[in-house]
Amino acid sequence: MRLFRWGLAAVAAGVSVLTMPPGTVQTAAAASVSSKPTCAYGEITGSGNLSKMPTSTKAGQNLATYTTVRNAKSAPLSGVFFDYQMVPPSNRKGAAPTVWWKFNGGSWHHLIMTWHPATQSSTAQWVSGDAVLGNLPGFTTHTLEMTVDYPSGATHGFYAGTLLAGAKTCGYQLLGAITVSTDYLPR
């Protein structure tokens, strides 16, 4: 939830997610030869899943999706976490999707999704709390597996999903956004 509030605006403007007022642009830190993170957007990257986006054709179907999570810089990142947000079709609430995740083949963790209605500055969306991945050494790539189940009563259509990634070593600065979307099209 830390990154959600300013996530979309931060991606566009490079804003420090919670520590700076809206609309304030933060310049990227100069790259150094030390092993300290730059704490700039793009430090965490990933493959996303738009080329292999899963589609649910019935309620309760377990959709599995895989994406890479990469520390794109040489400096290690400590306390890497993500928030997940899903924008439902037509801003309609419907029943909450059930989301689970595991990192590098570890154990499964449940993401509790909370409804946030549309406001003047954002669309309606389902938003998770923080999910902690741990430490990422520099220039390493890892696998994040997620499952999404849509219950009966969920809104039918495309759910634009985004992982907003950060690290404790960088405070609340948004370090990356990775697309993880799904479709719910019951027959």
N, C-alpha and C. Protein backbone atom coordinates (compact mmCIF):
# COMPACT_ATOMS: atom_id res chain seq x y z
N MET A 1 0.82 -1.17 0.00
CA MET A 1 0.00 0.00 0.00
C MET A 1 0.87 1.25 0.00
N ARG A 2 2.13 1.11 0.39
CA ARG A 2 3.02 2.26 0.44
C ARG A 2 3.14 2.94 -0.91
N LEU A 3 3.24 2.16 -1.96
CA LEU A 3 3.49 2.74 -3.27
C LEU A 3 2.23 3.08 -4.02
N PHE A 4 1.11 2.54 -3.63
CA PHE A 4 -0.13 2.72 -4.36
C PHE A 4 -0.55 4.17 -4.51
N ARG A 5 -0.51 4.93 -3.44
CA ARG A 5 -1.07 6.27 -3.44
C ARG A 5 -0.49 7.17 -4.53
N TRP A 6 0.78 7.03 -4.80
CA TRP A 6 1.41 7.89 -5.80
C TRP A 6 1.92 7.09 -6.98
N GLY A 7 1.63 5.80 -7.03
CA GLY A 7 2.21 4.92 -8.03
C GLY A 7 2.14 5.41 -9.46
N LEU A 8 0.95 5.69 -9.94
CA LEU A 8 0.82 6.08 -11.34
C LEU A 8 1.44 7.43 -11.61
N ALA A 9 1.26 8.38 -10.72
CA ALA A 9 1.86 9.70 -10.90
C ALA A 9 3.37 9.61 -10.81
N ALA A 10 3.87 8.76 -9.94
CA ALA A 10 5.32 8.63 -9.78
C ALA A 10 5.96 8.05 -11.02
N VAL A 11 5.29 7.10 -11.66
CA VAL A 11 5.84 6.51 -12.88
C VAL A 11 6.01 7.59 -13.93
N ALA A 12 5.01 8.44 -14.08
CA ALA A 12 5.05 9.47 -15.10
C ALA A 12 6.02 10.60 -14.78
N ALA A 13 6.13 10.97 -13.51
CA ALA A 13 6.89 12.17 -13.17
C ALA A 13 8.17 11.92 -12.39
N GLY A 14 8.43 10.69 -11.98
CA GLY A 14 9.62 10.43 -11.18
C GLY A 14 9.51 10.97 -9.77
N VAL A 15 8.30 11.00 -9.24
CA VAL A 15 8.06 11.56 -7.91
C VAL A 15 8.39 10.53 -6.84
N SER A 16 9.01 10.95 -5.76
CA SER A 16 9.21 10.09 -4.61
C SER A 16 7.84 9.79 -4.04
N VAL A 17 7.48 8.54 -3.93
CA VAL A 17 6.11 8.12 -3.75
C VAL A 17 5.37 8.77 -2.59
N LEU A 18 5.87 8.77 -1.38
CA LEU A 18 5.11 9.36 -0.28
C LEU A 18 5.82 10.52 0.40
N THR A 19 7.07 10.73 0.09
CA THR A 19 7.81 11.75 0.83
C THR A 19 7.81 13.11 0.16
N MET A 20 7.27 13.20 -1.05
CA MET A 20 7.25 14.48 -1.74
C MET A 20 5.82 14.85 -2.09
N PRO A 21 5.50 16.13 -2.14
CA PRO A 21 4.15 16.53 -2.51
C PRO A 21 3.85 16.19 -3.97
N PRO A 22 2.58 16.00 -4.31
CA PRO A 22 2.20 15.68 -5.68
C PRO A 22 2.72 16.74 -6.64
N GLY A 23 3.18 16.28 -7.81
CA GLY A 23 3.62 17.19 -8.85
C GLY A 23 5.06 17.65 -8.70
N THR A 24 5.73 17.32 -7.61
CA THR A 24 7.12 17.72 -7.43
C THR A 24 8.00 16.71 -8.14
N VAL A 25 8.86 17.17 -9.01
CA VAL A 25 9.72 16.28 -9.76
C VAL A 25 11.04 16.11 -9.02
N GLN A 26 11.47 14.87 -8.92
CA GLN A 26 12.74 14.56 -8.27
C GLN A 26 13.72 14.14 -9.34
N THR A 27 14.91 14.71 -9.35
CA THR A 27 15.91 14.32 -10.34
C THR A 27 16.53 13.00 -9.92
N ALA A 28 16.94 12.22 -10.89
CA ALA A 28 17.56 10.93 -10.60
C ALA A 28 18.92 11.16 -9.96
N ALA A 29 19.25 10.31 -9.01
CA ALA A 29 20.55 10.41 -8.36
C ALA A 29 21.65 10.07 -9.35
N ALA A 30 22.77 10.73 -9.25
CA ALA A 30 23.89 10.46 -10.14
C ALA A 30 24.42 9.06 -9.87
N ALA A 31 24.77 8.35 -10.93
CA ALA A 31 25.33 7.02 -10.78
C ALA A 31 26.71 7.13 -10.15
N SER A 32 26.99 6.22 -9.25
CA SER A 32 28.29 6.25 -8.60
C SER A 32 28.97 4.91 -8.78
N VAL A 33 30.25 4.87 -8.47
CA VAL A 33 30.99 3.64 -8.60
C VAL A 33 30.88 2.80 -7.33
N SER A 34 30.24 3.32 -6.30
CA SER A 34 30.08 2.56 -5.07
C SER A 34 28.96 1.54 -5.23
N SER A 35 28.75 0.74 -4.21
CA SER A 35 27.70 -0.27 -4.29
C SER A 35 26.42 0.19 -3.60
N LYS A 36 26.19 1.50 -3.56
CA LYS A 36 24.96 2.03 -3.00
C LYS A 36 23.91 2.13 -4.11
N PRO A 37 22.65 1.78 -3.81
CA PRO A 37 21.60 1.91 -4.82
C PRO A 37 21.38 3.37 -5.20
N THR A 38 21.00 3.58 -6.46
CA THR A 38 20.68 4.94 -6.91
C THR A 38 19.30 5.37 -6.46
N CYS A 39 18.46 4.40 -6.12
CA CYS A 39 17.09 4.67 -5.66
C CYS A 39 16.30 5.48 -6.69
N ALA A 40 16.42 5.09 -7.94
CA ALA A 40 15.71 5.77 -9.02
C ALA A 40 14.78 4.79 -9.72
N TYR A 41 13.73 5.32 -10.34
CA TYR A 41 12.81 4.49 -11.11
C TYR A 41 13.62 3.76 -12.19
N GLY A 42 13.37 2.47 -12.36
CA GLY A 42 14.08 1.64 -13.32
C GLY A 42 15.12 0.74 -12.66
N GLU A 43 15.32 0.91 -11.37
CA GLU A 43 16.28 0.06 -10.65
C GLU A 43 15.75 -1.38 -10.55
N ILE A 44 14.43 -1.53 -10.46
CA ILE A 44 13.81 -2.86 -10.50
C ILE A 44 13.01 -2.94 -11.80
N THR A 45 13.30 -3.98 -12.59
CA THR A 45 12.59 -4.19 -13.85
C THR A 45 11.99 -5.59 -13.85
N GLY A 46 11.22 -5.90 -14.87
CA GLY A 46 10.63 -7.22 -14.97
C GLY A 46 10.05 -7.45 -16.34
N SER A 47 9.73 -8.70 -16.62
CA SER A 47 9.22 -9.06 -17.94
C SER A 47 7.74 -8.77 -18.11
N GLY A 48 6.98 -8.76 -17.02
CA GLY A 48 5.53 -8.62 -17.16
C GLY A 48 4.95 -9.86 -17.81
N ASN A 49 3.64 -9.81 -18.11
CA ASN A 49 3.01 -11.01 -18.68
C ASN A 49 2.09 -10.71 -19.85
N LEU A 50 2.16 -9.53 -20.46
CA LEU A 50 1.20 -9.21 -21.52
C LEU A 50 1.31 -10.16 -22.72
N SER A 51 2.47 -10.74 -22.98
CA SER A 51 2.58 -11.67 -24.10
C SER A 51 1.94 -13.02 -23.77
N LYS A 52 1.77 -13.33 -22.49
CA LYS A 52 1.16 -14.60 -22.07
C LYS A 52 0.14 -14.35 -20.97
N MET A 53 -0.76 -13.41 -21.22
CA MET A 53 -1.75 -13.04 -20.21
C MET A 53 -2.80 -14.14 -20.09
N PRO A 54 -3.02 -14.68 -18.89
CA PRO A 54 -4.00 -15.75 -18.72
C PRO A 54 -5.44 -15.23 -18.72
N THR A 55 -6.35 -16.09 -19.19
CA THR A 55 -7.77 -15.76 -19.24
C THR A 55 -8.56 -16.82 -18.49
N SER A 56 -9.42 -16.37 -17.58
CA SER A 56 -10.30 -17.27 -16.85
C SER A 56 -11.62 -17.37 -17.61
N THR A 57 -12.08 -18.61 -17.84
CA THR A 57 -13.35 -18.81 -18.55
C THR A 57 -14.47 -19.27 -17.62
N LYS A 58 -14.15 -19.43 -16.33
CA LYS A 58 -15.19 -19.79 -15.36
C LYS A 58 -14.77 -19.31 -13.97
N ALA A 59 -15.76 -19.08 -13.13
CA ALA A 59 -15.50 -18.64 -11.76
C ALA A 59 -14.70 -19.71 -11.02
N GLY A 60 -13.73 -19.27 -10.21
CA GLY A 60 -12.93 -20.19 -9.42
C GLY A 60 -11.77 -20.82 -10.15
N GLN A 61 -11.62 -20.53 -11.45
CA GLN A 61 -10.50 -21.09 -12.20
C GLN A 61 -9.19 -20.45 -11.71
N ASN A 62 -8.19 -21.27 -11.47
CA ASN A 62 -6.91 -20.81 -10.95
C ASN A 62 -6.02 -20.37 -12.12
N LEU A 63 -5.81 -19.07 -12.26
CA LEU A 63 -4.94 -18.54 -13.30
C LEU A 63 -3.53 -18.41 -12.74
N ALA A 64 -2.55 -18.98 -13.41
CA ALA A 64 -1.16 -18.83 -12.98
C ALA A 64 -0.42 -17.96 -13.98
N THR A 65 0.40 -17.06 -13.47
CA THR A 65 1.20 -16.21 -14.33
C THR A 65 2.59 -16.06 -13.73
N TYR A 66 3.58 -15.98 -14.58
CA TYR A 66 4.97 -15.87 -14.15
C TYR A 66 5.57 -14.59 -14.72
N THR A 67 6.37 -13.93 -13.92
CA THR A 67 7.09 -12.75 -14.39
C THR A 67 8.47 -12.74 -13.75
N THR A 68 9.40 -12.09 -14.40
CA THR A 68 10.72 -11.94 -13.79
C THR A 68 10.76 -10.64 -13.00
N VAL A 69 11.55 -10.64 -11.96
CA VAL A 69 11.83 -9.43 -11.17
C VAL A 69 13.35 -9.32 -11.15
N ARG A 70 13.86 -8.18 -11.64
CA ARG A 70 15.31 -8.04 -11.80
C ARG A 70 15.82 -6.78 -11.13
N ASN A 71 16.93 -6.93 -10.40
CA ASN A 71 17.67 -5.77 -9.92
C ASN A 71 18.56 -5.38 -11.09
N ALA A 72 18.23 -4.29 -11.76
CA ALA A 72 18.90 -3.89 -12.99
C ALA A 72 20.23 -3.18 -12.75
N LYS A 73 20.60 -2.94 -11.52
CA LYS A 73 21.84 -2.22 -11.19
C LYS A 73 22.80 -3.13 -10.43
N SER A 74 24.03 -2.66 -10.25
CA SER A 74 25.05 -3.47 -9.57
C SER A 74 24.88 -3.48 -8.05
N ALA A 75 24.27 -2.46 -7.49
CA ALA A 75 24.13 -2.37 -6.03
C ALA A 75 23.03 -3.30 -5.53
N PRO A 76 23.26 -3.99 -4.42
CA PRO A 76 22.21 -4.83 -3.84
C PRO A 76 21.08 -3.97 -3.27
N LEU A 77 19.88 -4.53 -3.27
CA LEU A 77 18.71 -3.85 -2.69
C LEU A 77 18.22 -4.68 -1.51
N SER A 78 18.01 -4.03 -0.39
CA SER A 78 17.53 -4.72 0.82
C SER A 78 16.05 -4.44 1.04
N GLY A 79 15.34 -5.46 1.50
CA GLY A 79 13.93 -5.29 1.84
C GLY A 79 13.05 -4.95 0.65
N VAL A 80 13.25 -5.63 -0.47
CA VAL A 80 12.44 -5.36 -1.67
C VAL A 80 11.01 -5.81 -1.41
N PHE A 81 10.06 -4.97 -1.81
CA PHE A 81 8.64 -5.27 -1.63
C PHE A 81 7.86 -4.80 -2.85
N PHE A 82 6.62 -5.27 -2.96
CA PHE A 82 5.74 -4.76 -4.02
C PHE A 82 4.33 -4.61 -3.49
N ASP A 83 3.60 -3.74 -4.13
CA ASP A 83 2.15 -3.60 -3.97
C ASP A 83 1.57 -4.01 -5.31
N TYR A 84 0.41 -4.65 -5.30
CA TYR A 84 -0.23 -5.07 -6.55
C TYR A 84 -1.55 -4.34 -6.67
N GLN A 85 -1.81 -3.78 -7.83
CA GLN A 85 -3.09 -3.12 -8.07
C GLN A 85 -3.71 -3.67 -9.34
N MET A 86 -5.04 -3.83 -9.30
CA MET A 86 -5.80 -4.34 -10.44
C MET A 86 -6.93 -3.36 -10.74
N VAL A 87 -6.96 -2.87 -11.96
CA VAL A 87 -8.03 -1.96 -12.38
C VAL A 87 -9.11 -2.81 -13.06
N PRO A 88 -10.32 -2.86 -12.49
CA PRO A 88 -11.38 -3.68 -13.06
C PRO A 88 -12.00 -3.01 -14.28
N PRO A 89 -12.68 -3.79 -15.11
CA PRO A 89 -13.36 -3.22 -16.26
C PRO A 89 -14.42 -2.20 -15.83
N SER A 90 -14.50 -1.10 -16.49
CA SER A 90 -15.53 -0.08 -16.29
C SER A 90 -15.61 0.45 -14.86
N ASN A 91 -14.52 0.38 -14.09
CA ASN A 91 -14.51 0.88 -12.71
C ASN A 91 -15.56 0.22 -11.82
N ARG A 92 -16.02 -0.99 -12.20
CA ARG A 92 -17.06 -1.67 -11.42
C ARG A 92 -16.42 -2.59 -10.39
N LYS A 93 -16.94 -2.55 -9.18
CA LYS A 93 -16.35 -3.29 -8.07
C LYS A 93 -16.49 -4.80 -8.23
N GLY A 94 -17.66 -5.35 -8.26
CA GLY A 94 -17.84 -6.80 -8.31
C GLY A 94 -17.20 -7.47 -7.10
N ALA A 95 -17.14 -8.80 -7.12
CA ALA A 95 -16.52 -9.56 -6.03
C ALA A 95 -15.00 -9.48 -6.13
N ALA A 96 -14.34 -9.51 -5.00
CA ALA A 96 -12.87 -9.38 -4.96
C ALA A 96 -12.17 -10.61 -5.53
N PRO A 97 -11.18 -10.40 -6.39
CA PRO A 97 -10.37 -11.52 -6.85
C PRO A 97 -9.50 -12.03 -5.71
N THR A 98 -9.17 -13.32 -5.75
CA THR A 98 -8.26 -13.91 -4.77
C THR A 98 -6.88 -14.02 -5.41
N VAL A 99 -5.87 -13.45 -4.76
CA VAL A 99 -4.52 -13.41 -5.33
C VAL A 99 -3.53 -14.04 -4.36
N TRP A 100 -2.68 -14.93 -4.90
CA TRP A 100 -1.60 -15.57 -4.15
C TRP A 100 -0.30 -15.36 -4.91
N TRP A 101 0.83 -15.39 -4.22
CA TRP A 101 2.12 -15.24 -4.88
C TRP A 101 3.19 -16.06 -4.17
N LYS A 102 4.24 -16.41 -4.92
CA LYS A 102 5.45 -17.00 -4.34
C LYS A 102 6.64 -16.53 -5.15
N PHE A 103 7.78 -16.44 -4.48
CA PHE A 103 8.98 -15.86 -5.07
C PHE A 103 10.10 -16.90 -5.08
N ASN A 104 10.70 -17.12 -6.24
CA ASN A 104 11.80 -18.08 -6.40
C ASN A 104 11.45 -19.47 -5.90
N GLY A 105 10.21 -19.90 -6.13
CA GLY A 105 9.80 -21.24 -5.73
C GLY A 105 9.57 -21.42 -4.24
N GLY A 106 9.53 -20.32 -3.48
CA GLY A 106 9.30 -20.38 -2.04
C GLY A 106 7.87 -20.75 -1.71
N SER A 107 7.42 -20.40 -0.53
CA SER A 107 6.07 -20.74 -0.10
C SER A 107 5.06 -19.70 -0.61
N TRP A 108 3.80 -20.12 -0.65
CA TRP A 108 2.72 -19.26 -1.13
C TRP A 108 2.30 -18.27 -0.05
N HIS A 109 1.95 -17.05 -0.51
CA HIS A 109 1.47 -15.98 0.37
C HIS A 109 0.20 -15.39 -0.23
N HIS A 110 -0.77 -15.12 0.62
CA HIS A 110 -2.04 -14.54 0.18
C HIS A 110 -1.94 -13.02 0.16
N LEU A 111 -2.38 -12.41 -0.92
CA LEU A 111 -2.47 -10.94 -1.00
C LEU A 111 -3.93 -10.56 -0.78
N ILE A 112 -4.20 -9.83 0.25
CA ILE A 112 -5.56 -9.38 0.50
C ILE A 112 -5.79 -8.12 -0.32
N MET A 113 -6.81 -8.17 -1.17
CA MET A 113 -7.11 -7.06 -2.07
C MET A 113 -8.20 -6.18 -1.45
N THR A 114 -7.95 -4.88 -1.42
CA THR A 114 -8.87 -3.90 -0.84
C THR A 114 -9.39 -3.00 -1.95
N TRP A 115 -10.68 -2.72 -1.93
CA TRP A 115 -11.31 -1.88 -2.95
C TRP A 115 -11.05 -0.40 -2.68
N HIS A 116 -10.65 0.31 -3.72
CA HIS A 116 -10.47 1.76 -3.68
C HIS A 116 -11.33 2.35 -4.80
N PRO A 117 -12.44 3.03 -4.47
CA PRO A 117 -13.30 3.59 -5.50
C PRO A 117 -12.59 4.70 -6.28
N ALA A 118 -13.12 5.00 -7.44
CA ALA A 118 -12.56 6.05 -8.29
C ALA A 118 -12.64 7.40 -7.57
N THR A 119 -11.65 8.23 -7.84
CA THR A 119 -11.63 9.61 -7.34
C THR A 119 -11.40 10.52 -8.53
N GLN A 120 -11.30 11.81 -8.29
CA GLN A 120 -11.02 12.74 -9.39
C GLN A 120 -9.67 12.47 -10.02
N SER A 121 -8.73 11.92 -9.25
CA SER A 121 -7.38 11.74 -9.77
C SER A 121 -6.99 10.29 -10.06
N SER A 122 -7.87 9.31 -9.78
CA SER A 122 -7.50 7.93 -10.08
C SER A 122 -8.73 7.09 -10.40
N THR A 123 -8.49 6.01 -11.12
CA THR A 123 -9.56 5.08 -11.44
C THR A 123 -9.80 4.17 -10.25
N ALA A 124 -10.93 3.49 -10.25
CA ALA A 124 -11.23 2.52 -9.20
C ALA A 124 -10.28 1.33 -9.37
N GLN A 125 -9.88 0.72 -8.25
CA GLN A 125 -8.98 -0.42 -8.34
C GLN A 125 -8.95 -1.24 -7.07
N TRP A 126 -8.55 -2.50 -7.26
CA TRP A 126 -8.26 -3.39 -6.15
C TRP A 126 -6.78 -3.21 -5.84
N VAL A 127 -6.43 -3.07 -4.55
CA VAL A 127 -5.05 -2.80 -4.15
C VAL A 127 -4.66 -3.72 -3.00
N SER A 128 -3.45 -4.27 -3.08
CA SER A 128 -2.95 -5.13 -2.00
C SER A 128 -2.15 -4.32 -1.00
N GLY A 129 -1.83 -4.95 0.11
CA GLY A 129 -0.84 -4.39 1.03
C GLY A 129 0.54 -4.76 0.52
N ASP A 130 1.56 -4.46 1.30
CA ASP A 130 2.93 -4.77 0.90
C ASP A 130 3.19 -6.27 0.91
N ALA A 131 3.90 -6.74 -0.09
CA ALA A 131 4.37 -8.12 -0.17
C ALA A 131 5.90 -8.06 -0.19
N VAL A 132 6.55 -8.65 0.79
CA VAL A 132 8.01 -8.53 0.93
C VAL A 132 8.70 -9.68 0.21
N LEU A 133 9.56 -9.34 -0.74
CA LEU A 133 10.33 -10.33 -1.49
C LEU A 133 11.66 -10.65 -0.84
N GLY A 134 12.24 -9.70 -0.12
CA GLY A 134 13.55 -9.91 0.52
C GLY A 134 14.63 -9.09 -0.15
N ASN A 135 15.86 -9.58 -0.11
CA ASN A 135 17.00 -8.85 -0.65
C ASN A 135 17.31 -9.32 -2.07
N LEU A 136 17.68 -8.38 -2.94
CA LEU A 136 18.06 -8.70 -4.32
C LEU A 136 19.50 -8.25 -4.56
N PRO A 137 20.43 -9.19 -4.73
CA PRO A 137 21.79 -8.79 -5.09
C PRO A 137 21.79 -8.06 -6.44
N GLY A 138 22.83 -7.31 -6.72
CA GLY A 138 22.91 -6.58 -7.98
C GLY A 138 22.91 -7.49 -9.19
N PHE A 139 22.31 -7.02 -10.27
CA PHE A 139 22.25 -7.72 -11.55
C PHE A 139 21.74 -9.15 -11.43
N THR A 140 20.71 -9.37 -10.62
CA THR A 140 20.14 -10.72 -10.50
C THR A 140 18.69 -10.70 -10.98
N THR A 141 18.25 -11.85 -11.49
CA THR A 141 16.89 -12.01 -11.99
C THR A 141 16.23 -13.15 -11.22
N HIS A 142 14.99 -12.93 -10.83
CA HIS A 142 14.24 -13.89 -10.02
C HIS A 142 12.87 -14.11 -10.64
N THR A 143 12.18 -15.17 -10.20
CA THR A 143 10.85 -15.49 -10.72
C THR A 143 9.78 -15.25 -9.67
N LEU A 144 8.76 -14.51 -10.07
CA LEU A 144 7.58 -14.28 -9.24
C LEU A 144 6.41 -14.99 -9.90
N GLU A 145 5.80 -15.92 -9.16
CA GLU A 145 4.62 -16.63 -9.65
C GLU A 145 3.42 -16.10 -8.91
N MET A 146 2.36 -15.80 -9.64
CA MET A 146 1.12 -15.31 -9.03
C MET A 146 -0.04 -16.14 -9.55
N THR A 147 -1.05 -16.33 -8.69
CA THR A 147 -2.30 -16.94 -9.12
C THR A 147 -3.43 -15.97 -8.81
N VAL A 148 -4.40 -15.94 -9.69
CA VAL A 148 -5.59 -15.10 -9.52
C VAL A 148 -6.80 -15.97 -9.76
N ASP A 149 -7.75 -15.94 -8.83
CA ASP A 149 -9.03 -16.63 -8.98
C ASP A 149 -10.13 -15.58 -8.93
N TYR A 150 -11.04 -15.63 -9.90
CA TYR A 150 -12.19 -14.73 -9.90
C TYR A 150 -13.41 -15.49 -9.41
N PRO A 151 -14.05 -15.04 -8.34
CA PRO A 151 -15.25 -15.71 -7.85
C PRO A 151 -16.46 -15.32 -8.70
N SER A 152 -17.54 -16.08 -8.58
CA SER A 152 -18.76 -15.65 -9.26
C SER A 152 -19.14 -14.30 -8.65
N GLY A 153 -19.62 -13.41 -9.46
CA GLY A 153 -19.93 -12.06 -9.00
C GLY A 153 -18.83 -11.06 -9.31
N ALA A 154 -17.67 -11.55 -9.78
CA ALA A 154 -16.60 -10.63 -10.20
C ALA A 154 -17.00 -9.99 -11.53
N THR A 155 -16.57 -8.77 -11.74
CA THR A 155 -16.86 -8.06 -12.99
C THR A 155 -16.13 -8.75 -14.14
N HIS A 156 -16.85 -8.97 -15.25
CA HIS A 156 -16.28 -9.63 -16.42
C HIS A 156 -15.43 -8.65 -17.22
N GLY A 157 -14.29 -9.14 -17.75
CA GLY A 157 -13.46 -8.33 -18.64
C GLY A 157 -11.99 -8.34 -18.28
N PHE A 158 -11.27 -7.36 -18.83
CA PHE A 158 -9.82 -7.23 -18.68
C PHE A 158 -9.48 -6.50 -17.39
N TYR A 159 -8.57 -7.06 -16.61
CA TYR A 159 -8.08 -6.44 -15.37
C TYR A 159 -6.62 -6.02 -15.60
N ALA A 160 -6.40 -4.73 -15.72
CA ALA A 160 -5.04 -4.21 -15.89
C ALA A 160 -4.34 -4.28 -14.54
N GLY A 161 -3.33 -5.13 -14.42
CA GLY A 161 -2.62 -5.31 -13.16
C GLY A 161 -1.22 -4.75 -13.23
N THR A 162 -0.76 -4.17 -12.12
CA THR A 162 0.59 -3.60 -12.05
C THR A 162 1.22 -3.89 -10.69
N LEU A 163 2.46 -4.39 -10.72
CA LEU A 163 3.27 -4.53 -9.51
C LEU A 163 4.06 -3.24 -9.37
N LEU A 164 3.95 -2.58 -8.25
CA LEU A 164 4.73 -1.37 -7.97
C LEU A 164 5.80 -1.78 -6.97
N ALA A 165 7.08 -1.72 -7.38
CA ALA A 165 8.17 -2.25 -6.57
C ALA A 165 9.00 -1.16 -5.91
N GLY A 166 9.45 -1.46 -4.70
CA GLY A 166 10.31 -0.55 -3.95
C GLY A 166 11.25 -1.36 -3.08
N ALA A 167 12.07 -0.69 -2.28
CA ALA A 167 12.99 -1.35 -1.36
C ALA A 167 13.16 -0.49 -0.12
N LYS A 168 13.27 -1.14 1.03
CA LYS A 168 13.46 -0.39 2.28
C LYS A 168 14.69 0.50 2.22
N THR A 169 15.72 0.06 1.52
CA THR A 169 16.94 0.86 1.42
C THR A 169 16.70 2.18 0.70
N CYS A 170 15.58 2.29 -0.01
CA CYS A 170 15.28 3.51 -0.77
C CYS A 170 14.04 4.23 -0.23
N GLY A 171 13.60 3.89 0.95
CA GLY A 171 12.42 4.55 1.52
C GLY A 171 11.18 4.22 0.70
N TYR A 172 10.44 5.25 0.33
CA TYR A 172 9.20 5.05 -0.41
C TYR A 172 9.33 5.39 -1.89
N GLN A 173 10.52 5.45 -2.40
CA GLN A 173 10.74 5.75 -3.82
C GLN A 173 10.28 4.58 -4.67
N LEU A 174 9.50 4.86 -5.69
CA LEU A 174 9.07 3.83 -6.64
C LEU A 174 10.27 3.44 -7.49
N LEU A 175 10.64 2.16 -7.48
CA LEU A 175 11.81 1.69 -8.22
C LEU A 175 11.45 0.96 -9.50
N GLY A 176 10.20 0.54 -9.65
CA GLY A 176 9.80 -0.14 -10.87
C GLY A 176 8.32 -0.47 -10.88
N ALA A 177 7.78 -0.61 -12.08
CA ALA A 177 6.39 -1.01 -12.28
C ALA A 177 6.38 -2.12 -13.33
N ILE A 178 5.75 -3.24 -13.00
CA ILE A 178 5.73 -4.41 -13.87
C ILE A 178 4.28 -4.80 -14.13
N THR A 179 3.93 -4.97 -15.39
CA THR A 179 2.56 -5.33 -15.77
C THR A 179 2.30 -6.81 -15.52
N VAL A 180 1.25 -7.10 -14.75
CA VAL A 180 0.79 -8.48 -14.52
C VAL A 180 -0.73 -8.44 -14.59
N SER A 181 -1.26 -8.59 -15.80
CA SER A 181 -2.70 -8.44 -16.06
C SER A 181 -3.37 -9.79 -16.31
N THR A 182 -4.69 -9.82 -16.14
CA THR A 182 -5.47 -11.03 -16.39
C THR A 182 -6.82 -10.65 -17.01
N ASP A 183 -7.49 -11.66 -17.56
CA ASP A 183 -8.83 -11.50 -18.12
C ASP A 183 -9.78 -12.43 -17.38
N TYR A 184 -11.01 -11.95 -17.14
CA TYR A 184 -12.06 -12.80 -16.61
C TYR A 184 -13.21 -12.76 -17.60
N LEU A 185 -13.33 -13.82 -18.41
CA LEU A 185 -14.33 -13.89 -19.47
C LEU A 185 -15.10 -15.21 -19.38
N PRO A 186 -15.96 -15.35 -18.37
CA PRO A 186 -16.70 -16.60 -18.22
C PRO A 186 -17.66 -16.82 -19.39
N ARG A 187 -17.88 -18.09 -19.70
CA ARG A 187 -18.75 -18.44 -20.84
C ARG A 187 -20.13 -18.79 -20.37
